[in-house]
Amino acid sequence: MKLTITNHQENNKECIEAISGIIVYDGEGNEYSINLNKFGELVVNSAFGRMNIIPQYSNEVIIRQEK
């Protein structure tokens, strides 16, 4: 999986390769693991309860922890 980190304040991008996936945190500190399945599709996992997927536009979804 290739990952591009963008810093808009300094107007630069850094490209790295993540072999096993990445871990990201939302604004509340909830941890999500993102990796690829055997078909090359993105898979999002959370260790804390259920996730709600909320469609926003044709190319955007919001992922939230169920409260």
C-alpha atoms as a PDB file:
ATOM      1  CA  MET A   1       0.000   0.000   0.000  1.00  0.00           C
ATOM      2  CA  LYS A   2       1.404   3.396  -0.930  1.00  0.00           C
ATOM      3  CA  LEU A   3       0.680   6.371   1.281  1.00  0.00           C
ATOM      4  CA  THR A   4       1.095  10.064   0.515  1.00  0.00           C
ATOM      5  CA  ILE A   5       1.322  12.455   3.453  1.00  0.00           C
ATOM      6  CA  THR A   6       0.403  16.007   2.456  1.00  0.00           C
ATOM      7  CA  ASN A   7       1.400  19.068   4.480  1.00  0.00           C
ATOM      8  CA  HIS A   8      -0.683  21.907   3.055  1.00  0.00           C
ATOM      9  CA  GLN A   9       0.966  24.530   5.279  1.00  0.00           C
ATOM     10  CA  GLU A  10       4.414  23.847   3.838  1.00  0.00           C
ATOM     11  CA  ASN A  11       3.035  22.789   0.429  1.00  0.00           C
ATOM     12  CA  ASN A  12       4.919  19.484   0.267  1.00  0.00           C
ATOM     13  CA  LYS A  13       4.098  15.784  -0.082  1.00  0.00           C
ATOM     14  CA  GLU A  14       5.922  12.715   1.174  1.00  0.00           C
ATOM     15  CA  CYS A  15       5.303   9.288  -0.400  1.00  0.00           C
ATOM     16  CA  ILE A  16       5.999   6.138   1.644  1.00  0.00           C
ATOM     17  CA  GLU A  17       5.089   2.462   1.326  1.00  0.00           C
ATOM     18  CA  ALA A  18       3.236   0.753   4.166  1.00  0.00           C
ATOM     19  CA  ILE A  19       3.742  -3.010   4.003  1.00  0.00           C
ATOM     20  CA  SER A  20       1.125  -4.135   6.551  1.00  0.00           C
ATOM     21  CA  GLY A  21      -1.243  -1.147   6.534  1.00  0.00           C
ATOM     22  CA  ILE A  22      -1.589   2.088   8.483  1.00  0.00           C
ATOM     23  CA  ILE A  23      -3.205   3.201  11.730  1.00  0.00           C
ATOM     24  CA  VAL A  24      -5.094   6.506  11.840  1.00  0.00           C
ATOM     25  CA  TYR A  25      -6.871   8.343  14.668  1.00  0.00           C
ATOM     26  CA  ASP A  26     -10.008  10.457  14.457  1.00  0.00           C
ATOM     27  CA  GLY A  27     -10.600  13.721  16.336  1.00  0.00           C
ATOM     28  CA  GLU A  28     -11.733  11.808  19.447  1.00  0.00           C
ATOM     29  CA  GLY A  29      -8.663   9.547  19.539  1.00  0.00           C
ATOM     30  CA  ASN A  30     -10.412   6.424  18.203  1.00  0.00           C
ATOM     31  CA  GLU A  31      -7.990   4.145  16.357  1.00  0.00           C
ATOM     32  CA  TYR A  32      -8.666   2.731  12.890  1.00  0.00           C
ATOM     33  CA  SER A  33      -6.517   0.236  10.996  1.00  0.00           C
ATOM     34  CA  ILE A  34      -6.500   0.521   7.190  1.00  0.00           C
ATOM     35  CA  ASN A  35      -5.044  -2.225   5.034  1.00  0.00           C
ATOM     36  CA  LEU A  36      -5.617  -4.027   1.744  1.00  0.00           C
ATOM     37  CA  ASN A  37      -7.394  -7.337   1.342  1.00  0.00           C
ATOM     38  CA  LYS A  38      -6.232 -10.009  -1.103  1.00  0.00           C
ATOM     39  CA  PHE A  39      -8.145  -8.278  -3.921  1.00  0.00           C
ATOM     40  CA  GLY A  40      -6.399  -4.924  -3.337  1.00  0.00           C
ATOM     41  CA  GLU A  41      -9.482  -3.281  -1.795  1.00  0.00           C
ATOM     42  CA  LEU A  42      -9.267  -0.961   1.225  1.00  0.00           C
ATOM     43  CA  VAL A  43     -10.418  -2.489   4.523  1.00  0.00           C
ATOM     44  CA  VAL A  44     -11.072  -0.338   7.616  1.00  0.00           C
ATOM     45  CA  ASN A  45     -11.097  -2.000  11.058  1.00  0.00           C
ATOM     46  CA  SER A  46     -11.766  -0.586  14.504  1.00  0.00           C
ATOM     47  CA  ALA A  47     -11.041  -2.195  17.860  1.00  0.00           C
ATOM     48  CA  PHE A  48     -13.697  -0.098  19.629  1.00  0.00           C
ATOM     49  CA  GLY A  49     -17.270  -1.144  18.963  1.00  0.00           C
ATOM     50  CA  ARG A  50     -19.228  -0.715  15.775  1.00  0.00           C
ATOM     51  CA  MET A  51     -18.645   1.768  12.978  1.00  0.00           C
ATOM     52  CA  ASN A  52     -21.245   3.779  11.090  1.00  0.00           C
ATOM     53  CA  ILE A  53     -20.578   4.477   7.403  1.00  0.00           C
ATOM     54  CA  ILE A  54     -22.363   7.644   6.282  1.00  0.00           C
ATOM     55  CA  PRO A  55     -22.464   8.411   2.542  1.00  0.00           C
ATOM     56  CA  GLN A  56     -21.877  12.115   1.858  1.00  0.00           C
ATOM     57  CA  TYR A  57     -21.289  12.507  -1.879  1.00  0.00           C
ATOM     58  CA  SER A  58     -20.653  10.118  -4.758  1.00  0.00           C
ATOM     59  CA  ASN A  59     -16.942   9.935  -3.840  1.00  0.00           C
ATOM     60  CA  GLU A  60     -16.959  10.460  -0.041  1.00  0.00           C
ATOM     61  CA  VAL A  61     -18.055   8.602   3.091  1.00  0.00           C
ATOM     62  CA  ILE A  62     -17.727   9.439   6.784  1.00  0.00           C
ATOM     63  CA  ILE A  63     -16.755   6.695   9.257  1.00  0.00           C
ATOM     64  CA  ARG A  64     -17.871   7.237  12.868  1.00  0.00           C
ATOM     65  CA  GLN A  65     -17.855   5.146  16.019  1.00  0.00           C
ATOM     66  CA  GLU A  66     -21.350   4.167  17.104  1.00  0.00           C
ATOM     67  CA  LYS A  67     -22.309   5.855  20.371  1.00  0.00           C
END
